[in-house]
Protein backbone atom coordinates (compact mmCIF):
# COMPACT_ATOMS: atom_id res chain seq x y z
CA MET A 1 0.00 0.00 0.00
CA LEU A 2 1.21 3.50 -0.92
CA PRO A 3 1.64 6.15 1.71
CA GLN A 4 -0.91 8.98 1.78
CA SER A 5 1.50 11.55 0.32
CA SER A 6 2.20 9.29 -2.68
CA ILE A 7 -1.51 9.03 -3.40
CA GLN A 8 -1.87 12.80 -3.19
CA ILE A 9 1.06 13.28 -5.57
CA LYS A 10 -0.46 10.78 -8.00
CA GLU A 11 -3.82 12.58 -7.86
CA ALA A 12 -2.12 15.94 -8.40
CA PHE A 13 -0.25 14.64 -11.46
CA SER A 14 -3.47 13.10 -12.73
CA LYS A 15 -5.23 16.50 -12.42
CA VAL A 16 -2.32 18.27 -14.16
CA LYS A 17 -2.44 15.69 -16.96
CA GLY A 18 -6.19 16.28 -17.34
CA ASP A 19 -5.65 20.06 -17.40
CA ILE A 20 -2.95 19.72 -20.07
CA THR A 21 -5.23 17.53 -22.19
CA SER A 22 -8.05 20.08 -21.82
CA LEU A 23 -5.73 22.95 -22.78
CA LYS A 24 -4.50 21.04 -25.86
CA SER A 25 -8.11 20.50 -26.89
CA GLN A 26 -8.90 24.20 -26.47
CA ILE A 27 -5.78 25.22 -28.45
CA ASN A 28 -6.77 22.88 -31.29
CA SER A 29 -10.28 24.32 -31.28
CA LEU A 30 -8.91 27.89 -31.41
CA ASN A 31 -6.56 26.96 -34.27
CA GLU A 32 -9.51 25.56 -36.24
CA GLU A 33 -11.50 28.76 -35.63
CA ILE A 34 -8.55 30.91 -36.74
CA HIS A 35 -8.25 28.84 -39.91
CA GLU A 36 -11.98 29.28 -40.64
CA ILE A 37 -11.72 33.04 -40.03
CA LYS A 38 -8.77 33.28 -42.44
CA GLU A 39 -10.74 31.42 -45.11
CA THR A 40 -13.73 33.70 -44.58
CA LEU A 41 -11.48 36.76 -44.79
CA GLU A 42 -10.02 35.59 -48.10
CA ILE A 43 -13.51 35.02 -49.50
CA LEU A 44 -14.60 38.50 -48.39
CA LYS A 45 -11.50 40.08 -49.92
CA SER A 46 -12.19 38.41 -53.26
CA LEU A 47 -15.83 39.53 -53.13
CA LEU A 48 -14.86 43.11 -52.32
CA ASN A 49 -12.38 43.20 -55.19
CA THR A 50 -15.13 42.26 -57.63
CA SER A 51 -17.98 44.19 -56.03
CA PRO A 52 -19.89 46.82 -58.02
CA LEU A 53 -19.22 49.25 -55.16
CA LEU A 54 -15.47 49.06 -55.69
CA GLN A 55 -15.87 49.32 -59.44
CA ALA A 56 -18.06 52.41 -59.01
CA LYS A 57 -15.49 53.96 -56.69
CA ALA A 58 -12.71 53.25 -59.21
CA SER A 59 -14.85 54.77 -61.95
CA LEU A 60 -15.41 57.88 -59.83
CA ASN A 61 -11.66 58.17 -59.17
CA GLN A 62 -10.96 57.79 -62.88
CA THR A 63 -13.52 60.51 -63.68
CA GLN A 64 -11.91 62.80 -61.09
CA ASN A 65 -8.47 62.18 -62.63
CA GLN A 66 -9.82 62.96 -66.10
CA THR A 67 -11.41 66.16 -64.76
CA ASP A 68 -8.10 67.17 -63.18
CA GLN A 69 -6.27 66.53 -66.46
CA THR A 70 -8.89 68.53 -68.37
CA LEU A 71 -8.57 71.42 -65.94
CA ARG A 72 -4.79 71.41 -66.30
CA GLN A 73 -5.20 71.39 -70.09
CA ILE A 74 -7.67 74.30 -69.96
CA GLN A 75 -5.30 76.31 -67.77
CA THR A 76 -2.37 75.57 -70.08
CA ASP A 77 -4.37 76.50 -73.18
CA THR A 78 -5.54 79.81 -71.73
CA GLN A 79 -2.02 80.75 -70.67
CA ALA A 80 -0.54 79.83 -74.05
CA ASP A 81 -3.02 81.85 -76.08
CA LYS A 82 -3.49 85.13 -74.23
CA GLN A 83 -4.44 87.06 -77.36
CA SER A 84 -7.59 84.97 -77.86
CA GLN A 85 -8.86 86.14 -74.47
CA TYR A 86 -9.45 89.62 -75.78
CA GLY A 87 -11.83 90.08 -78.68
CA LEU A 88 -11.97 93.07 -81.01
CA LYS A 89 -15.12 94.23 -79.23
CA THR A 90 -15.57 94.50 -75.50
CA GLN A 91 -17.12 91.41 -74.04
CA ASN A 92 -20.50 91.65 -72.30
CA ASN A 93 -19.97 89.74 -69.06
CA ASN A 94 -23.35 90.72 -67.59
CA ILE A 95 -25.29 88.22 -69.68
CA SER A 96 -26.82 85.39 -67.71
CA ILE A 97 -26.66 81.97 -69.28
CA GLY A 98 -29.59 80.65 -67.28
CA ASN A 99 -27.82 79.43 -64.20
CA ASP A 100 -27.93 82.52 -62.01
CA GLY A 101 -25.01 84.12 -63.79
CA VAL A 102 -22.55 81.41 -62.83
CA GLY A 103 -20.35 80.43 -65.75
CA TYR A 104 -20.42 76.81 -66.84
CA THR A 105 -16.85 76.08 -65.83
CA LYS A 106 -17.35 77.55 -62.36
CA GLU A 107 -20.44 75.39 -61.89
CA MET A 108 -18.52 72.35 -63.08
CA PHE A 109 -15.78 72.88 -60.49
CA LYS A 110 -18.33 72.74 -57.66
CA TYR A 111 -19.46 69.19 -58.38
CA PRO A 112 -16.41 67.28 -57.08
CA HIS A 113 -16.55 69.15 -53.77
CA PHE A 114 -20.30 68.55 -53.41
CA ILE A 115 -19.92 64.88 -54.30
CA TRP A 116 -17.18 64.51 -51.68
CA LYS A 117 -19.27 66.34 -49.06
CA SER A 118 -22.24 64.11 -49.88
CA MET A 119 -20.10 60.98 -49.52
CA VAL A 120 -18.78 62.13 -46.15
CA GLU A 121 -22.19 63.14 -44.77
CA ARG A 122 -24.17 60.19 -46.08
CA GLY A 123 -21.40 57.63 -45.83
CA LEU A 124 -19.57 56.02 -48.71
CA ASP A 125 -21.74 52.91 -48.73
CA VAL A 126 -25.00 54.86 -48.92
CA PHE A 127 -23.58 57.17 -51.57
CA PHE A 128 -22.37 54.34 -53.80
CA GLU A 129 -25.57 52.33 -53.32
CA GLY A 130 -27.53 55.36 -54.56
CA PHE A 131 -25.03 55.81 -57.38
CA LEU A 132 -25.48 52.21 -58.46
CA ARG A 133 -29.26 52.59 -58.37
CA LYS A 134 -28.75 55.68 -60.54
CA GLU A 135 -30.29 57.97 -57.96
CA SER A 136 -29.27 61.57 -58.20
CA VAL A 137 -26.94 62.77 -55.47
CA PHE A 138 -27.92 66.37 -56.26
CA PHE A 139 -31.23 67.55 -54.90
CA ASP A 140 -31.48 70.92 -56.62
CA LYS A 141 -29.24 73.64 -57.90
CA ARG A 142 -29.65 75.92 -54.87
CA ALA A 143 -28.74 73.08 -52.49
CA LEU A 144 -25.68 72.40 -54.61
CA GLN A 145 -24.60 76.05 -54.57
CA SER A 146 -25.26 76.52 -50.85
CA SER A 147 -23.28 73.40 -49.99
CA TYR A 148 -20.23 74.62 -51.87
CA THR A 149 -17.64 76.31 -49.67
CA PRO A 150 -14.43 77.20 -51.52
């Protein structure tokens, strides 16, 4: 027969062995969950890369880049040909073209700022969802002009 202290030591080692087995089981379970999360993340990444939202955002960025290039070209053209700015007759600048006297190019420059403000206020997801449904992001001309702050 084993002395009492030997039995206690055996029981203690038995408990430690059980705890180690339990911890190994929990670690294996956590590793499986991590693996599943990684797989889910990869699937989500691939879906996001092909989503219409991302394509719409890329299209908007491309449009903005084209607008920037056009503006640079306009500025270069006007600087290169200063004589064409002045006609033989004096120009009548008081004529309204139907948009409250704001020239077309000035109106055009306001849109990118308003679009950005709309995306920030409404959130990118809401903005692009509306864009994809072909909803107008502009409510009316006065709202557009009042929202513009240079």
